[in-house]
Amino acid sequence: MAGERSVQRLEISTDGGINWTEAHIMTSSAPNVWSRWSYEWLLPASGRYEIVARATDNVGVRQPPEDKGNDLYDGRTGWHRVPVNVSRNGSV
């Protein structure tokens, strides 16, 4: 969600924010509406990874890496980070 603006682009990093790939936005982009997105990740070697998502709005403003105080909607302004453990022995 980008508040009064809309999400124009969503990028995913699977290496903690070093490299970025564009994700597919699945919903119509509109102000004050949460955007659903998808990203196909080919599982890498076993190990610990950090998946990071960042959005850019329709006027070109990209989310900052860190939270910059509270926003009107959910208190988050920074990149969303999710730690993931991958095990190639059949379970993830």
N, C-alpha and C. Protein backbone atom coordinates (compact mmCIF):
# COMPACT_ATOMS: atom_id res chain seq x y z
N MET A 1 0.84 -1.18 0.00
CA MET A 1 0.00 0.00 0.00
C MET A 1 0.89 1.24 0.00
N ALA A 2 0.47 2.22 -0.76
CA ALA A 2 1.24 3.46 -0.85
C ALA A 2 0.41 4.66 -0.41
N GLY A 3 -0.61 4.41 0.42
CA GLY A 3 -1.43 5.52 0.91
C GLY A 3 -2.23 6.16 -0.20
N GLU A 4 -2.14 7.48 -0.31
CA GLU A 4 -2.90 8.21 -1.33
C GLU A 4 -2.37 7.99 -2.74
N ARG A 5 -1.20 7.36 -2.84
CA ARG A 5 -0.64 7.01 -4.15
C ARG A 5 -0.89 5.52 -4.38
N SER A 6 -0.37 4.98 -5.44
CA SER A 6 -0.55 3.55 -5.71
C SER A 6 0.82 2.89 -5.92
N VAL A 7 0.88 1.59 -5.70
CA VAL A 7 2.11 0.84 -5.90
C VAL A 7 2.30 0.62 -7.40
N GLN A 8 3.43 1.06 -7.92
CA GLN A 8 3.72 0.92 -9.33
C GLN A 8 4.65 -0.26 -9.61
N ARG A 9 5.53 -0.56 -8.66
CA ARG A 9 6.54 -1.59 -8.86
C ARG A 9 6.85 -2.25 -7.53
N LEU A 10 7.08 -3.57 -7.57
CA LEU A 10 7.45 -4.32 -6.38
C LEU A 10 8.66 -5.15 -6.74
N GLU A 11 9.70 -5.06 -5.92
CA GLU A 11 10.92 -5.82 -6.17
C GLU A 11 11.22 -6.74 -5.00
N ILE A 12 11.83 -7.87 -5.33
CA ILE A 12 12.19 -8.89 -4.34
C ILE A 12 13.69 -9.13 -4.39
N SER A 13 14.28 -9.27 -3.22
CA SER A 13 15.67 -9.67 -3.10
C SER A 13 15.69 -10.96 -2.29
N THR A 14 16.44 -11.93 -2.72
CA THR A 14 16.57 -13.18 -1.97
C THR A 14 17.93 -13.30 -1.30
N ASP A 15 18.70 -12.20 -1.35
CA ASP A 15 20.02 -12.20 -0.73
C ASP A 15 20.18 -11.02 0.24
N GLY A 16 19.08 -10.66 0.91
CA GLY A 16 19.15 -9.65 1.94
C GLY A 16 19.19 -8.21 1.45
N GLY A 17 18.89 -7.98 0.17
CA GLY A 17 18.84 -6.62 -0.35
C GLY A 17 20.01 -6.24 -1.23
N ILE A 18 20.82 -7.21 -1.64
CA ILE A 18 21.96 -6.91 -2.51
C ILE A 18 21.50 -6.83 -3.97
N ASN A 19 20.81 -7.87 -4.44
CA ASN A 19 20.31 -7.92 -5.81
C ASN A 19 18.79 -7.93 -5.79
N TRP A 20 18.17 -7.33 -6.81
CA TRP A 20 16.71 -7.17 -6.85
C TRP A 20 16.14 -7.68 -8.17
N THR A 21 14.95 -8.29 -8.09
CA THR A 21 14.21 -8.75 -9.26
C THR A 21 12.77 -8.26 -9.13
N GLU A 22 12.19 -7.82 -10.23
CA GLU A 22 10.82 -7.33 -10.19
C GLU A 22 9.83 -8.48 -9.98
N ALA A 23 8.90 -8.28 -9.07
CA ALA A 23 7.82 -9.25 -8.83
C ALA A 23 6.62 -8.88 -9.69
N HIS A 24 5.69 -9.79 -9.77
CA HIS A 24 4.48 -9.56 -10.56
C HIS A 24 3.38 -9.02 -9.64
N ILE A 25 2.88 -7.82 -9.93
CA ILE A 25 1.77 -7.26 -9.16
C ILE A 25 0.48 -7.87 -9.72
N MET A 26 -0.29 -8.53 -8.86
CA MET A 26 -1.46 -9.31 -9.27
C MET A 26 -2.77 -8.53 -9.20
N THR A 27 -2.79 -7.39 -8.54
CA THR A 27 -4.03 -6.64 -8.36
C THR A 27 -3.93 -5.29 -9.06
N SER A 28 -5.05 -4.69 -9.30
CA SER A 28 -5.05 -3.35 -9.87
C SER A 28 -4.42 -2.39 -8.89
N SER A 29 -3.65 -1.47 -9.41
CA SER A 29 -2.99 -0.50 -8.56
C SER A 29 -3.92 0.69 -8.36
N ALA A 30 -4.21 0.99 -7.10
CA ALA A 30 -5.10 2.10 -6.77
C ALA A 30 -4.71 2.67 -5.42
N PRO A 31 -4.99 3.95 -5.18
CA PRO A 31 -4.70 4.54 -3.88
C PRO A 31 -5.45 3.83 -2.74
N ASN A 32 -4.81 3.74 -1.59
CA ASN A 32 -5.40 3.18 -0.37
C ASN A 32 -5.85 1.73 -0.52
N VAL A 33 -5.22 0.98 -1.41
CA VAL A 33 -5.55 -0.43 -1.62
C VAL A 33 -4.27 -1.24 -1.49
N TRP A 34 -4.34 -2.34 -0.72
CA TRP A 34 -3.19 -3.23 -0.60
C TRP A 34 -2.96 -3.93 -1.92
N SER A 35 -1.70 -4.03 -2.32
CA SER A 35 -1.34 -4.71 -3.57
C SER A 35 -0.93 -6.15 -3.27
N ARG A 36 -1.48 -7.07 -4.04
CA ARG A 36 -1.05 -8.47 -3.96
C ARG A 36 -0.02 -8.69 -5.05
N TRP A 37 0.97 -9.50 -4.76
CA TRP A 37 2.03 -9.74 -5.72
C TRP A 37 2.49 -11.18 -5.63
N SER A 38 3.23 -11.62 -6.64
CA SER A 38 3.80 -12.97 -6.63
C SER A 38 5.22 -12.92 -7.16
N TYR A 39 5.99 -13.90 -6.75
CA TYR A 39 7.38 -14.02 -7.19
C TYR A 39 7.75 -15.49 -7.18
N GLU A 40 8.25 -15.99 -8.28
CA GLU A 40 8.65 -17.40 -8.35
C GLU A 40 10.13 -17.49 -8.01
N TRP A 41 10.41 -18.21 -6.93
CA TRP A 41 11.78 -18.34 -6.44
C TRP A 41 12.23 -19.77 -6.62
N LEU A 42 13.26 -19.97 -7.43
CA LEU A 42 13.84 -21.30 -7.58
C LEU A 42 14.71 -21.53 -6.36
N LEU A 43 14.39 -22.59 -5.61
CA LEU A 43 15.09 -22.81 -4.35
C LEU A 43 16.58 -22.99 -4.56
N PRO A 44 17.37 -22.26 -3.82
CA PRO A 44 18.82 -22.36 -3.91
C PRO A 44 19.33 -23.52 -3.04
N ALA A 45 20.63 -23.58 -2.87
CA ALA A 45 21.25 -24.57 -2.00
C ALA A 45 20.74 -24.39 -0.57
N SER A 46 20.85 -25.44 0.22
CA SER A 46 20.45 -25.36 1.63
C SER A 46 21.17 -24.22 2.31
N GLY A 47 20.48 -23.56 3.21
CA GLY A 47 21.09 -22.47 3.95
C GLY A 47 20.05 -21.48 4.43
N ARG A 48 20.52 -20.42 5.04
CA ARG A 48 19.65 -19.37 5.56
C ARG A 48 19.69 -18.20 4.59
N TYR A 49 18.51 -17.69 4.26
CA TYR A 49 18.37 -16.58 3.32
C TYR A 49 17.46 -15.53 3.93
N GLU A 50 17.53 -14.33 3.40
CA GLU A 50 16.61 -13.29 3.81
C GLU A 50 15.91 -12.77 2.55
N ILE A 51 14.59 -12.93 2.52
CA ILE A 51 13.79 -12.41 1.41
C ILE A 51 13.33 -11.01 1.82
N VAL A 52 13.54 -10.06 0.91
CA VAL A 52 13.22 -8.66 1.19
C VAL A 52 12.32 -8.13 0.08
N ALA A 53 11.28 -7.40 0.46
CA ALA A 53 10.38 -6.78 -0.52
C ALA A 53 10.44 -5.27 -0.35
N ARG A 54 10.46 -4.58 -1.50
CA ARG A 54 10.39 -3.11 -1.48
C ARG A 54 9.49 -2.65 -2.61
N ALA A 55 8.76 -1.59 -2.36
CA ALA A 55 7.81 -1.06 -3.35
C ALA A 55 8.23 0.33 -3.80
N THR A 56 7.80 0.66 -5.02
CA THR A 56 7.96 2.00 -5.56
C THR A 56 6.57 2.48 -5.95
N ASP A 57 6.23 3.70 -5.57
CA ASP A 57 4.88 4.19 -5.87
C ASP A 57 4.81 4.85 -7.25
N ASN A 58 3.63 5.31 -7.60
CA ASN A 58 3.39 5.83 -8.95
C ASN A 58 4.02 7.19 -9.23
N VAL A 59 4.65 7.81 -8.23
CA VAL A 59 5.39 9.04 -8.50
C VAL A 59 6.90 8.80 -8.37
N GLY A 60 7.29 7.53 -8.27
CA GLY A 60 8.71 7.17 -8.27
C GLY A 60 9.38 7.12 -6.92
N VAL A 61 8.62 7.23 -5.83
CA VAL A 61 9.21 7.17 -4.49
C VAL A 61 9.32 5.71 -4.06
N ARG A 62 10.55 5.29 -3.76
CA ARG A 62 10.82 3.91 -3.33
C ARG A 62 10.85 3.86 -1.80
N GLN A 63 10.36 2.77 -1.24
CA GLN A 63 10.43 2.58 0.22
C GLN A 63 11.86 2.69 0.69
N PRO A 64 12.10 3.30 1.84
CA PRO A 64 13.45 3.34 2.40
C PRO A 64 13.80 1.99 3.01
N PRO A 65 15.08 1.68 3.12
CA PRO A 65 15.49 0.39 3.70
C PRO A 65 15.01 0.18 5.14
N GLU A 66 14.96 1.24 5.93
CA GLU A 66 14.58 1.14 7.34
C GLU A 66 13.29 1.90 7.59
N ASP A 67 12.57 1.52 8.64
CA ASP A 67 11.37 2.25 9.03
C ASP A 67 11.74 3.68 9.37
N LYS A 68 10.93 4.60 8.93
CA LYS A 68 11.15 6.03 9.19
C LYS A 68 9.98 6.58 10.01
N GLY A 69 9.73 5.97 11.15
CA GLY A 69 8.62 6.42 11.98
C GLY A 69 7.33 5.71 11.58
N ASN A 70 6.24 6.16 12.16
CA ASN A 70 4.95 5.54 11.88
C ASN A 70 4.31 6.14 10.64
N ASP A 71 3.69 5.27 9.85
CA ASP A 71 2.89 5.81 8.77
C ASP A 71 1.43 5.69 9.15
N LEU A 72 0.57 6.23 8.36
CA LEU A 72 -0.85 6.32 8.69
C LEU A 72 -1.53 4.95 8.74
N TYR A 73 -1.00 3.96 8.02
CA TYR A 73 -1.74 2.72 7.81
C TYR A 73 -1.37 1.58 8.74
N ASP A 74 -0.08 1.23 8.85
CA ASP A 74 0.24 0.08 9.68
C ASP A 74 1.52 0.24 10.47
N GLY A 75 2.10 1.42 10.47
CA GLY A 75 3.30 1.64 11.26
C GLY A 75 4.59 1.24 10.57
N ARG A 76 4.54 0.71 9.34
CA ARG A 76 5.75 0.31 8.62
C ARG A 76 5.99 1.22 7.44
N THR A 77 7.23 1.62 7.27
CA THR A 77 7.59 2.37 6.07
C THR A 77 8.77 1.72 5.36
N GLY A 78 9.53 0.87 6.04
CA GLY A 78 10.73 0.28 5.47
C GLY A 78 10.47 -1.03 4.74
N TRP A 79 11.53 -1.59 4.20
CA TRP A 79 11.45 -2.87 3.49
C TRP A 79 10.94 -3.96 4.42
N HIS A 80 10.19 -4.89 3.86
CA HIS A 80 9.70 -6.03 4.63
C HIS A 80 10.72 -7.16 4.47
N ARG A 81 11.18 -7.70 5.59
CA ARG A 81 12.23 -8.73 5.59
C ARG A 81 11.71 -10.01 6.23
N VAL A 82 11.98 -11.14 5.56
CA VAL A 82 11.54 -12.44 6.07
C VAL A 82 12.72 -13.41 6.01
N PRO A 83 13.18 -13.91 7.17
CA PRO A 83 14.24 -14.92 7.15
C PRO A 83 13.66 -16.28 6.73
N VAL A 84 14.43 -17.02 5.92
CA VAL A 84 13.97 -18.31 5.41
C VAL A 84 15.11 -19.31 5.53
N ASN A 85 14.80 -20.50 6.04
CA ASN A 85 15.76 -21.61 6.05
C ASN A 85 15.39 -22.57 4.95
N VAL A 86 16.33 -22.90 4.08
CA VAL A 86 16.10 -23.84 2.99
C VAL A 86 16.88 -25.11 3.28
N SER A 87 16.18 -26.24 3.18
CA SER A 87 16.81 -27.54 3.35
C SER A 87 16.52 -28.38 2.11
N ARG A 88 17.52 -28.75 1.37
CA ARG A 88 17.35 -29.45 0.11
C ARG A 88 17.13 -30.95 0.30
N ASN A 89 16.92 -31.42 1.53
CA ASN A 89 16.68 -32.84 1.76
C ASN A 89 15.20 -33.19 1.71
N GLY A 90 14.39 -32.33 1.12
CA GLY A 90 12.97 -32.62 0.96
C GLY A 90 12.05 -31.76 1.78
N SER A 91 12.57 -31.08 2.79
CA SER A 91 11.71 -30.21 3.59
C SER A 91 12.25 -28.80 3.56
N VAL A 92 11.32 -27.84 3.60
CA VAL A 92 11.72 -26.43 3.58
C VAL A 92 11.23 -25.77 4.85
